[in-house]
Amino acid sequence: MKKLSRREDLSSRIRFILMQVLDLKKNQWIPHREEDIFTEVGSANPKKLEVELATLKSNNARLTAALQESTANVGELKRQLEAFKEENVALKSKLLDTETNKGDELNSGELKKEITTLQLKCDSLETELKTKDEKVKDLSTELKDSLSVIENFKVI
């Protein structure tokens, strides 16, 4: 809710209501003043509510699309990482065979360089994968928050 209350693409009314709910929660659900914090449903402009609901649905659709894209990116990164790991294992095996056979030192050095390069690629892909996973989690949380706000609007 804190993230949603800071989003400038939401209407100021929605952001203000979210901030009021956060203040209420912080104050153990006791209002600062005696009067009701939220306006009466009958006093709200139905056209504005419909526009806000449409905006929320649009935001929800964009968040869902972004989440799906991030999930697809994470899946592709995982596949690449597995491929690099397999290649790394194969090169290690090849290096061991070469060293066992006391092969050419040049080939052994080249294999070591290639293994080092692959290990660096694996490390960078793992870091990128962690970043993408965090982004997916953030988008999921934001999507859930947006869905709960939409449900609240439907109740109104």
C-alpha atoms as a PDB file:
ATOM      1  CA  MET A   1       0.000   0.000   0.000  1.00  0.00           C
ATOM      2  CA  LYS A   2       2.940   2.320   0.677  1.00  0.00           C
ATOM      3  CA  LYS A   3       4.183   1.802  -2.872  1.00  0.00           C
ATOM      4  CA  LEU A   4       0.727   2.424  -4.321  1.00  0.00           C
ATOM      5  CA  SER A   5       0.271   5.586  -2.236  1.00  0.00           C
ATOM      6  CA  ARG A   6       3.428   7.034  -3.851  1.00  0.00           C
ATOM      7  CA  ARG A   7       2.542   6.186  -7.448  1.00  0.00           C
ATOM      8  CA  GLU A   8       1.829   9.297  -9.454  1.00  0.00           C
ATOM      9  CA  ASP A   9      -0.120   7.461 -12.139  1.00  0.00           C
ATOM     10  CA  LEU A  10      -2.916   6.805  -9.608  1.00  0.00           C
ATOM     11  CA  SER A  11      -5.403   9.557  -8.896  1.00  0.00           C
ATOM     12  CA  SER A  12      -4.720  11.769  -5.924  1.00  0.00           C
ATOM     13  CA  ARG A  13      -7.986  10.606  -4.345  1.00  0.00           C
ATOM     14  CA  ILE A  14      -6.869   6.966  -4.366  1.00  0.00           C
ATOM     15  CA  ARG A  15      -3.398   7.857  -3.070  1.00  0.00           C
ATOM     16  CA  PHE A  16      -4.930   9.954  -0.281  1.00  0.00           C
ATOM     17  CA  ILE A  17      -7.292   7.134   0.727  1.00  0.00           C
ATOM     18  CA  LEU A  18      -4.359   4.703   0.816  1.00  0.00           C
ATOM     19  CA  MET A  19      -2.375   7.119   2.988  1.00  0.00           C
ATOM     20  CA  GLN A  20      -5.375   7.483   5.316  1.00  0.00           C
ATOM     21  CA  VAL A  21      -5.662   3.710   5.661  1.00  0.00           C
ATOM     22  CA  LEU A  22      -1.942   3.474   6.444  1.00  0.00           C
ATOM     23  CA  ASP A  23      -2.328   6.235   9.073  1.00  0.00           C
ATOM     24  CA  LEU A  24      -5.306   4.438  10.593  1.00  0.00           C
ATOM     25  CA  LYS A  25      -3.343   1.198  10.810  1.00  0.00           C
ATOM     26  CA  LYS A  26      -0.405   2.998  12.408  1.00  0.00           C
ATOM     27  CA  ASN A  27      -2.821   4.579  14.919  1.00  0.00           C
ATOM     28  CA  GLN A  28      -4.288   1.141  15.807  1.00  0.00           C
ATOM     29  CA  TRP A  29      -7.404   1.789  13.691  1.00  0.00           C
ATOM     30  CA  ILE A  30      -8.470   4.814  15.749  1.00  0.00           C
ATOM     31  CA  PRO A  31      -9.345   7.814  13.539  1.00  0.00           C
ATOM     32  CA  HIS A  32      -7.638  11.148  14.214  1.00  0.00           C
ATOM     33  CA  ARG A  33     -10.980  12.941  14.224  1.00  0.00           C
ATOM     34  CA  GLU A  34     -14.524  12.016  15.076  1.00  0.00           C
ATOM     35  CA  GLU A  35     -15.983  12.360  11.571  1.00  0.00           C
ATOM     36  CA  ASP A  36     -15.868   9.489   9.126  1.00  0.00           C
ATOM     37  CA  ILE A  37     -12.611   9.419   7.159  1.00  0.00           C
ATOM     38  CA  PHE A  38     -14.080   8.077   3.915  1.00  0.00           C
ATOM     39  CA  THR A  39     -16.790   9.898   2.017  1.00  0.00           C
ATOM     40  CA  GLU A  40     -20.246   8.428   1.730  1.00  0.00           C
ATOM     41  CA  VAL A  41     -20.787   6.226  -1.323  1.00  0.00           C
ATOM     42  CA  GLY A  42     -23.803   8.314  -2.346  1.00  0.00           C
ATOM     43  CA  SER A  43     -21.766  11.513  -2.340  1.00  0.00           C
ATOM     44  CA  ALA A  44     -19.095  10.131  -4.688  1.00  0.00           C
ATOM     45  CA  ASN A  45     -19.337  11.008  -8.366  1.00  0.00           C
ATOM     46  CA  PRO A  46     -20.153   7.761 -10.219  1.00  0.00           C
ATOM     47  CA  LYS A  47     -18.425   8.984 -13.403  1.00  0.00           C
ATOM     48  CA  LYS A  48     -15.192   9.644 -11.488  1.00  0.00           C
ATOM     49  CA  LEU A  49     -15.386   6.239  -9.847  1.00  0.00           C
ATOM     50  CA  GLU A  50     -15.879   4.582 -13.237  1.00  0.00           C
ATOM     51  CA  VAL A  51     -12.874   6.463 -14.661  1.00  0.00           C
ATOM     52  CA  GLU A  52     -10.736   5.520 -11.656  1.00  0.00           C
ATOM     53  CA  LEU A  53     -11.842   1.903 -11.934  1.00  0.00           C
ATOM     54  CA  ALA A  54     -10.956   1.880 -15.635  1.00  0.00           C
ATOM     55  CA  THR A  55      -7.550   3.389 -14.801  1.00  0.00           C
ATOM     56  CA  LEU A  56      -6.953   0.741 -12.162  1.00  0.00           C
ATOM     57  CA  LYS A  57      -7.919  -2.013 -14.597  1.00  0.00           C
ATOM     58  CA  SER A  58      -5.526  -0.560 -17.159  1.00  0.00           C
ATOM     59  CA  ASN A  59      -2.738  -0.399 -14.573  1.00  0.00           C
ATOM     60  CA  ASN A  60      -3.538  -3.972 -13.580  1.00  0.00           C
ATOM     61  CA  ALA A  61      -3.247  -5.108 -17.202  1.00  0.00           C
ATOM     62  CA  ARG A  62       0.116  -3.337 -17.588  1.00  0.00           C
ATOM     63  CA  LEU A  63       1.411  -4.864 -14.352  1.00  0.00           C
ATOM     64  CA  THR A  64       0.277  -8.316 -15.452  1.00  0.00           C
ATOM     65  CA  ALA A  65       2.035  -7.902 -18.809  1.00  0.00           C
ATOM     66  CA  ALA A  66       5.230  -6.707 -17.111  1.00  0.00           C
ATOM     67  CA  LEU A  67       5.098  -9.625 -14.701  1.00  0.00           C
ATOM     68  CA  GLN A  68       4.660 -12.126 -17.540  1.00  0.00           C
ATOM     69  CA  GLU A  69       7.553 -10.568 -19.472  1.00  0.00           C
ATOM     70  CA  SER A  70       9.814 -10.679 -16.416  1.00  0.00           C
ATOM     71  CA  THR A  71       8.849 -14.276 -15.757  1.00  0.00           C
ATOM     72  CA  ALA A  72       9.701 -15.191 -19.354  1.00  0.00           C
ATOM     73  CA  ASN A  73      13.048 -13.388 -19.051  1.00  0.00           C
ATOM     74  CA  VAL A  74      13.844 -15.239 -15.834  1.00  0.00           C
ATOM     75  CA  GLY A  75      13.002 -18.561 -17.491  1.00  0.00           C
ATOM     76  CA  GLU A  76      15.319 -17.804 -20.408  1.00  0.00           C
ATOM     77  CA  LEU A  77      18.119 -16.776 -18.042  1.00  0.00           C
ATOM     78  CA  LYS A  78      17.693 -20.025 -16.105  1.00  0.00           C
ATOM     79  CA  ARG A  79      17.975 -22.028 -19.344  1.00  0.00           C
ATOM     80  CA  GLN A  80      21.116 -20.123 -20.357  1.00  0.00           C
ATOM     81  CA  LEU A  81      22.616 -20.649 -16.910  1.00  0.00           C
ATOM     82  CA  GLU A  82      21.990 -24.400 -17.093  1.00  0.00           C
ATOM     83  CA  ALA A  83      23.572 -24.529 -20.549  1.00  0.00           C
ATOM     84  CA  PHE A  84      26.661 -22.687 -19.286  1.00  0.00           C
ATOM     85  CA  LYS A  85      26.897 -24.988 -16.287  1.00  0.00           C
ATOM     86  CA  GLU A  86      26.759 -28.056 -18.548  1.00  0.00           C
ATOM     87  CA  GLU A  87      29.388 -26.574 -20.820  1.00  0.00           C
ATOM     88  CA  ASN A  88      31.520 -25.755 -17.787  1.00  0.00           C
ATOM     89  CA  VAL A  89      31.308 -29.368 -16.557  1.00  0.00           C
ATOM     90  CA  ALA A  90      32.219 -30.662 -20.023  1.00  0.00           C
ATOM     91  CA  LEU A  91      35.223 -28.353 -20.226  1.00  0.00           C
ATOM     92  CA  LYS A  92      36.395 -29.354 -16.755  1.00  0.00           C
ATOM     93  CA  SER A  93      36.197 -32.974 -17.815  1.00  0.00           C
ATOM     94  CA  LYS A  94      38.118 -32.197 -20.992  1.00  0.00           C
ATOM     95  CA  LEU A  95      40.741 -30.341 -18.951  1.00  0.00           C
ATOM     96  CA  LEU A  96      41.170 -33.291 -16.615  1.00  0.00           C
ATOM     97  CA  ASP A  97      41.549 -35.645 -19.575  1.00  0.00           C
ATOM     98  CA  THR A  98      44.129 -33.334 -21.115  1.00  0.00           C
ATOM     99  CA  GLU A  99      46.086 -33.011 -17.889  1.00  0.00           C
ATOM    100  CA  THR A 100      45.893 -36.780 -17.325  1.00  0.00           C
ATOM    101  CA  ASN A 101      47.307 -37.428 -20.751  1.00  0.00           C
ATOM    102  CA  LYS A 102      49.964 -34.762 -20.156  1.00  0.00           C
ATOM    103  CA  GLY A 103      48.887 -33.066 -23.320  1.00  0.00           C
ATOM    104  CA  ASP A 104      50.157 -29.860 -24.764  1.00  0.00           C
ATOM    105  CA  GLU A 105      50.475 -27.119 -22.124  1.00  0.00           C
ATOM    106  CA  LEU A 106      49.017 -24.626 -24.587  1.00  0.00           C
ATOM    107  CA  ASN A 107      45.756 -26.585 -24.873  1.00  0.00           C
ATOM    108  CA  SER A 108      45.578 -26.894 -21.091  1.00  0.00           C
ATOM    109  CA  GLY A 109      46.078 -23.131 -20.678  1.00  0.00           C
ATOM    110  CA  GLU A 110      43.405 -22.355 -23.279  1.00  0.00           C
ATOM    111  CA  LEU A 111      40.961 -24.682 -21.548  1.00  0.00           C
ATOM    112  CA  LYS A 112      41.657 -23.031 -18.191  1.00  0.00           C
ATOM    113  CA  LYS A 113      40.990 -19.615 -19.755  1.00  0.00           C
ATOM    114  CA  GLU A 114      37.766 -20.876 -21.313  1.00  0.00           C
ATOM    115  CA  ILE A 115      36.642 -22.388 -17.993  1.00  0.00           C
ATOM    116  CA  THR A 116      37.400 -19.114 -16.205  1.00  0.00           C
ATOM    117  CA  THR A 117      35.404 -17.205 -18.813  1.00  0.00           C
ATOM    118  CA  LEU A 118      32.476 -19.580 -18.449  1.00  0.00           C
ATOM    119  CA  GLN A 119      32.594 -19.343 -14.661  1.00  0.00           C
ATOM    120  CA  LEU A 120      32.458 -15.545 -14.932  1.00  0.00           C
ATOM    121  CA  LYS A 121      29.489 -15.800 -17.320  1.00  0.00           C
ATOM    122  CA  CYS A 122      27.739 -18.191 -14.904  1.00  0.00           C
ATOM    123  CA  ASP A 123      28.330 -15.801 -12.017  1.00  0.00           C
ATOM    124  CA  SER A 124      26.972 -12.827 -13.956  1.00  0.00           C
ATOM    125  CA  LEU A 125      23.933 -14.823 -15.094  1.00  0.00           C
ATOM    126  CA  GLU A 126      23.254 -15.953 -11.527  1.00  0.00           C
ATOM    127  CA  THR A 127      23.425 -12.329 -10.356  1.00  0.00           C
ATOM    128  CA  GLU A 128      21.120 -11.220 -13.160  1.00  0.00           C
ATOM    129  CA  LEU A 129      18.750 -14.079 -12.358  1.00  0.00           C
ATOM    130  CA  LYS A 130      18.557 -13.028  -8.716  1.00  0.00           C
ATOM    131  CA  THR A 131      17.821  -9.451  -9.795  1.00  0.00           C
ATOM    132  CA  LYS A 132      15.066 -10.624 -12.133  1.00  0.00           C
ATOM    133  CA  ASP A 133      13.578 -12.851  -9.417  1.00  0.00           C
ATOM    134  CA  GLU A 134      13.442  -9.857  -7.069  1.00  0.00           C
ATOM    135  CA  LYS A 135      11.791  -7.781  -9.796  1.00  0.00           C
ATOM    136  CA  VAL A 136       9.207 -10.526 -10.375  1.00  0.00           C
ATOM    137  CA  LYS A 137       8.458 -10.617  -6.630  1.00  0.00           C
ATOM    138  CA  ASP A 138       8.055  -6.820  -6.538  1.00  0.00           C
ATOM    139  CA  LEU A 139       5.751  -6.876  -9.561  1.00  0.00           C
ATOM    140  CA  SER A 140       3.716  -9.704  -8.015  1.00  0.00           C
ATOM    141  CA  THR A 141       3.285  -7.718  -4.810  1.00  0.00           C
ATOM    142  CA  GLU A 142       2.329  -4.613  -6.744  1.00  0.00           C
ATOM    143  CA  LEU A 143      -0.159  -6.614  -8.806  1.00  0.00           C
ATOM    144  CA  LYS A 144      -1.744  -8.075  -5.676  1.00  0.00           C
ATOM    145  CA  ASP A 145      -2.031  -4.588  -4.176  1.00  0.00           C
ATOM    146  CA  SER A 146      -3.624  -3.296  -7.356  1.00  0.00           C
ATOM    147  CA  LEU A 147      -6.088  -6.193  -7.400  1.00  0.00           C
ATOM    148  CA  SER A 148      -7.108  -5.509  -3.800  1.00  0.00           C
ATOM    149  CA  VAL A 149      -7.700  -1.835  -4.622  1.00  0.00           C
ATOM    150  CA  ILE A 150      -9.836  -2.886  -7.605  1.00  0.00           C
ATOM    151  CA  GLU A 151     -11.825  -5.222  -5.361  1.00  0.00           C
ATOM    152  CA  ASN A 152     -12.373  -2.328  -2.936  1.00  0.00           C
ATOM    153  CA  PHE A 153     -13.661  -0.213  -5.793  1.00  0.00           C
ATOM    154  CA  LYS A 154     -16.028  -2.962  -6.855  1.00  0.00           C
ATOM    155  CA  VAL A 155     -17.426  -2.990  -3.326  1.00  0.00           C
ATOM    156  CA  ILE A 156     -17.987   0.758  -3.487  1.00  0.00           C
END
